[in-house]
PDB file of N, CA and C in Angstrom:
ATOM      1  N   UNK A   1     113.573  95.306  91.373  1.00  0.00           N
ATOM      2  CA  UNK A   1     113.504  96.107  90.163  1.00  0.00           C
ATOM      3  C   UNK A   1     113.353  97.575  90.566  1.00  0.00           C
ATOM      4  N   UNK A   2     114.067  98.440  89.887  1.00  0.00           N
ATOM      5  CA  UNK A   2     113.950  99.861  90.172  1.00  0.00           C
ATOM      6  C   UNK A   2     112.560 100.348  89.803  1.00  0.00           C
ATOM      7  N   UNK A   3     112.147 101.380  90.496  1.00  0.00           N
ATOM      8  CA  UNK A   3     110.815 101.926  90.254  1.00  0.00           C
ATOM      9  C   UNK A   3     110.680 102.414  88.820  1.00  0.00           C
ATOM     10  N   UNK A   4     111.672 103.126  88.318  1.00  0.00           N
ATOM     11  CA  UNK A   4     111.577 103.654  86.955  1.00  0.00           C
ATOM     12  C   UNK A   4     111.508 102.530  85.923  1.00  0.00           C
ATOM     13  N   UNK A   5     112.240 101.460  86.150  1.00  0.00           N
ATOM     14  CA  UNK A   5     112.185 100.322  85.224  1.00  0.00           C
ATOM     15  C   UNK A   5     110.829  99.640  85.298  1.00  0.00           C
ATOM     16  N   UNK A   6     110.283  99.542  86.500  1.00  0.00           N
ATOM     17  CA  UNK A   6     108.975  98.913  86.664  1.00  0.00           C
ATOM     18  C   UNK A   6     107.891  99.749  85.985  1.00  0.00           C
ATOM     19  N   UNK A   7     107.964 101.063  86.128  1.00  0.00           N
ATOM     20  CA  UNK A   7     106.995 101.928  85.457  1.00  0.00           C
ATOM     21  C   UNK A   7     107.145 101.852  83.945  1.00  0.00           C
ATOM     22  N   UNK A   8     108.365 101.761  83.465  1.00  0.00           N
ATOM     23  CA  UNK A   8     108.587 101.629  82.026  1.00  0.00           C
ATOM     24  C   UNK A   8     107.972 100.327  81.518  1.00  0.00           C
ATOM     25  N   UNK A   9     108.099  99.276  82.297  1.00  0.00           N
ATOM     26  CA  UNK A   9     107.486  97.997  81.927  1.00  0.00           C
ATOM     27  C   UNK A   9     105.962  98.123  81.885  1.00  0.00           C
ATOM     28  N   UNK A  10     105.386  98.797  82.867  1.00  0.00           N
ATOM     29  CA  UNK A  10     103.935  99.015  82.880  1.00  0.00           C
ATOM     30  C   UNK A  10     103.510  99.870  81.693  1.00  0.00           C
ATOM     31  N   UNK A  11     104.317 100.880  81.354  1.00  0.00           N
ATOM     32  CA  UNK A  11     103.992 101.744  80.220  1.00  0.00           C
ATOM     33  C   UNK A  11     103.987 100.950  78.919  1.00  0.00           C
ATOM     34  N   UNK A  12     104.981 100.090  78.759  1.00  0.00           N
ATOM     35  CA  UNK A  12     105.052  99.273  77.538  1.00  0.00           C
ATOM     36  C   UNK A  12     103.886  98.294  77.455  1.00  0.00           C
ATOM     37  N   UNK A  13     103.531  97.704  78.583  1.00  0.00           N
ATOM     38  CA  UNK A  13     102.389  96.791  78.617  1.00  0.00           C
ATOM     39  C   UNK A  13     101.109  97.533  78.266  1.00  0.00           C
ATOM     40  N   UNK A  14     100.952  98.728  78.822  1.00  0.00           N
ATOM     41  CA  UNK A  14      99.785  99.562  78.546  1.00  0.00           C
ATOM     42  C   UNK A  14      99.704  99.894  77.058  1.00  0.00           C
ATOM     43  N   UNK A  15     100.814 100.321  76.484  1.00  0.00           N
ATOM     44  CA  UNK A  15     100.837 100.674  75.066  1.00  0.00           C
ATOM     45  C   UNK A  15     100.563  99.452  74.190  1.00  0.00           C
ATOM     46  N   UNK A  16     101.121  98.319  74.556  1.00  0.00           N
ATOM     47  CA  UNK A  16     100.900  97.096  73.776  1.00  0.00           C
ATOM     48  C   UNK A  16      99.437  96.675  73.823  1.00  0.00           C
ATOM     49  N   UNK A  17      98.815  96.844  74.968  1.00  0.00           N
ATOM     50  CA  UNK A  17      97.401  96.497  75.105  1.00  0.00           C
ATOM     51  C   UNK A  17      96.553  97.351  74.178  1.00  0.00           C
ATOM     52  N   UNK A  18      96.877  98.627  74.089  1.00  0.00           N
ATOM     53  CA  UNK A  18      96.101  99.523  73.231  1.00  0.00           C
ATOM     54  C   UNK A  18      96.389  99.306  71.747  1.00  0.00           C
ATOM     55  N   UNK A  19      97.551  98.756  71.418  1.00  0.00           N
ATOM     56  CA  UNK A  19      97.917  98.546  70.008  1.00  0.00           C
ATOM     57  C   UNK A  19      97.314  97.285  69.408  1.00  0.00           C
ATOM     58  N   UNK A  20      96.853  96.374  70.247  1.00  0.00           N
ATOM     59  CA  UNK A  20      96.286  95.131  69.725  1.00  0.00           C
ATOM     60  C   UNK A  20      95.139  95.460  68.777  1.00  0.00           C
ATOM     61  N   UNK A  21      95.187  94.869  67.603  1.00  0.00           N
ATOM     62  CA  UNK A  21      94.189  95.197  66.592  1.00  0.00           C
ATOM     63  C   UNK A  21      93.190  94.067  66.363  1.00  0.00           C
ATOM     64  N   UNK A  22      93.289  92.996  67.116  1.00  0.00           N
ATOM     65  CA  UNK A  22      92.397  91.868  66.881  1.00  0.00           C
ATOM     66  C   UNK A  22      90.945  92.220  67.195  1.00  0.00           C
ATOM     67  N   UNK A  23      90.736  92.979  68.261  1.00  0.00           N
ATOM     68  CA  UNK A  23      89.389  93.393  68.646  1.00  0.00           C
ATOM     69  C   UNK A  23      89.429  94.893  68.912  1.00  0.00           C
ATOM     70  N   UNK A  24      88.544  95.660  68.289  1.00  0.00           N
ATOM     71  CA  UNK A  24      88.537  97.099  68.570  1.00  0.00           C
ATOM     72  C   UNK A  24      88.224  97.353  70.045  1.00  0.00           C
ATOM     73  N   UNK A  25      88.899  98.328  70.613  1.00  0.00           N
ATOM     74  CA  UNK A  25      88.698  98.643  72.020  1.00  0.00           C
ATOM     75  C   UNK A  25      87.531  99.609  72.185  1.00  0.00           C
ATOM     76  N   UNK A  26      86.707  99.336  73.183  1.00  0.00           N
ATOM     77  CA  UNK A  26      85.647 100.282  73.504  1.00  0.00           C
ATOM     78  C   UNK A  26      86.239 101.421  74.318  1.00  0.00           C
ATOM     79  N   UNK A  27      85.514 102.499  74.413  1.00  0.00           N
ATOM     80  CA  UNK A  27      85.973 103.642  75.212  1.00  0.00           C
ATOM     81  C   UNK A  27      86.152 103.241  76.665  1.00  0.00           C
ATOM     82  N   UNK A  28      85.286 102.366  77.151  1.00  0.00           N
ATOM     83  CA  UNK A  28      85.385 101.913  78.539  1.00  0.00           C
ATOM     84  C   UNK A  28      86.670 101.124  78.760  1.00  0.00           C
ATOM     85  N   UNK A  29      87.044 100.264  77.816  1.00  0.00           N
ATOM     86  CA  UNK A  29      88.285  99.497  77.940  1.00  0.00           C
ATOM     87  C   UNK A  29      89.505 100.417  77.961  1.00  0.00           C
ATOM     88  N   UNK A  30      89.512 101.399  77.071  1.00  0.00           N
ATOM     89  CA  UNK A  30      90.632 102.336  77.014  1.00  0.00           C
ATOM     90  C   UNK A  30      90.704 103.141  78.305  1.00  0.00           C
ATOM     91  N   UNK A  31      89.558 103.601  78.792  1.00  0.00           N
ATOM     92  CA  UNK A  31      89.531 104.376  80.038  1.00  0.00           C
ATOM     93  C   UNK A  31      90.001 103.529  81.214  1.00  0.00           C
ATOM     94  N   UNK A  32      89.587 102.274  81.266  1.00  0.00           N
ATOM     95  CA  UNK A  32      89.999 101.387  82.359  1.00  0.00           C
ATOM     96  C   UNK A  32      91.499 101.135  82.334  1.00  0.00           C
ATOM     97  N   UNK A  33      92.051 100.860  81.159  1.00  0.00           N
ATOM     98  CA  UNK A  33      93.490 100.636  81.037  1.00  0.00           C
ATOM     99  C   UNK A  33      94.273 101.896  81.409  1.00  0.00           C
ATOM    100  N   UNK A  34      93.778 103.048  80.972  1.00  0.00           N
ATOM    101  CA  UNK A  34      94.435 104.314  81.300  1.00  0.00           C
ATOM    102  C   UNK A  34      94.420 104.554  82.802  1.00  0.00           C
ATOM    103  N   UNK A  35      93.282 104.314  83.427  1.00  0.00           N
ATOM    104  CA  UNK A  35      93.158 104.507  84.871  1.00  0.00           C
ATOM    105  C   UNK A  35      94.088 103.579  85.637  1.00  0.00           C
ATOM    106  N   UNK A  36      94.171 102.323  85.224  1.00  0.00           N
ATOM    107  CA  UNK A  36      95.066 101.372  85.893  1.00  0.00           C
ATOM    108  C   UNK A  36      96.520 101.827  85.773  1.00  0.00           C
ATOM    109  N   UNK A  37      96.904 102.287  84.589  1.00  0.00           N
ATOM    110  CA  UNK A  37      98.273 102.755  84.393  1.00  0.00           C
ATOM    111  C   UNK A  37      98.562 103.979  85.256  1.00  0.00           C
ATOM    112  N   UNK A  38      97.643 104.936  85.272  1.00  0.00           N
ATOM    113  CA  UNK A  38      97.854 106.145  86.069  1.00  0.00           C
ATOM    114  C   UNK A  38      97.906 105.835  87.559  1.00  0.00           C
ATOM    115  N   UNK A  39      97.142 104.859  87.999  1.00  0.00           N
ATOM    116  CA  UNK A  39      97.217 104.445  89.406  1.00  0.00           C
ATOM    117  C   UNK A  39      98.616 103.937  89.740  1.00  0.00           C
ATOM    118  N   UNK A  40      99.188 103.156  88.843  1.00  0.00           N
ATOM    119  CA  UNK A  40     100.538 102.642  89.078  1.00  0.00           C
ATOM    120  C   UNK A  40     101.551 103.779  89.096  1.00  0.00           C
ATOM    121  N   UNK A  41     101.373 104.761  88.220  1.00  0.00           N
ATOM    122  CA  UNK A  41     102.277 105.910  88.202  1.00  0.00           C
ATOM    123  C   UNK A  41     102.200 106.654  89.525  1.00  0.00           C
ATOM    124  N   UNK A  42     100.995 106.888  90.013  1.00  0.00           N
ATOM    125  CA  UNK A  42     100.824 107.618  91.272  1.00  0.00           C
ATOM    126  C   UNK A  42     101.413 106.842  92.438  1.00  0.00           C
ATOM    127  N   UNK A  43     101.264 105.535  92.435  1.00  0.00           N
ATOM    128  CA  UNK A  43     101.789 104.720  93.531  1.00  0.00           C
ATOM    129  C   UNK A  43     103.314 104.750  93.546  1.00  0.00           C
ATOM    130  N   UNK A  44     103.947 104.680  92.373  1.00  0.00           N
ATOM    131  CA  UNK A  44     105.394 104.532  92.308  1.00  0.00           C
ATOM    132  C   UNK A  44     106.177 105.839  92.229  1.00  0.00           C
ATOM    133  N   UNK A  45     105.566 106.888  91.738  1.00  0.00           N
ATOM    134  CA  UNK A  45     106.303 108.130  91.499  1.00  0.00           C
ATOM    135  C   UNK A  45     106.024 109.172  92.568  1.00  0.00           C
ATOM    136  N   UNK A  46     106.905 110.145  92.616  1.00  0.00           N
ATOM    137  CA  UNK A  46     106.723 111.297  93.482  1.00  0.00           C
ATOM    138  C   UNK A  46     106.054 112.398  92.666  1.00  0.00           C
ATOM    139  N   UNK A  47     105.404 113.302  93.339  1.00  0.00           N
ATOM    140  CA  UNK A  47     104.690 114.379  92.648  1.00  0.00           C
ATOM    141  C   UNK A  47     105.621 115.172  91.735  1.00  0.00           C
ATOM    142  N   UNK A  48     106.824 115.447  92.186  1.00  0.00           N
ATOM    143  CA  UNK A  48     107.756 116.259  91.415  1.00  0.00           C
ATOM    144  C   UNK A  48     108.113 115.613  90.079  1.00  0.00           C
ATOM    145  N   UNK A  49     108.158 114.300  90.035  1.00  0.00           N
ATOM    146  CA  UNK A  49     108.536 113.631  88.789  1.00  0.00           C
ATOM    147  C   UNK A  49     107.347 113.424  87.860  1.00  0.00           C
ATOM    148  N   UNK A  50     106.141 113.507  88.375  1.00  0.00           N
ATOM    149  CA  UNK A  50     104.956 113.352  87.529  1.00  0.00           C
ATOM    150  C   UNK A  50     104.699 114.634  86.750  1.00  0.00           C
ATOM    151  N   UNK A  51     104.876 115.773  87.394  1.00  0.00           N
ATOM    152  CA  UNK A  51     104.604 117.077  86.785  1.00  0.00           C
ATOM    153  C   UNK A  51     105.659 117.374  85.810  1.00  0.00           C
TER     154      UNK A  51
END
């Protein structure tokens, strides 16, 4: 899988996780999900494409 497609998949998963309305998300849950997503972005992307 291409890196950009893999990141897009992670982005969609991240957004879907935050959209779930069954249980309200705590700030810690949102921060943890955001951190996990950003870690994946840093691992897969180059600095020039992040900025």
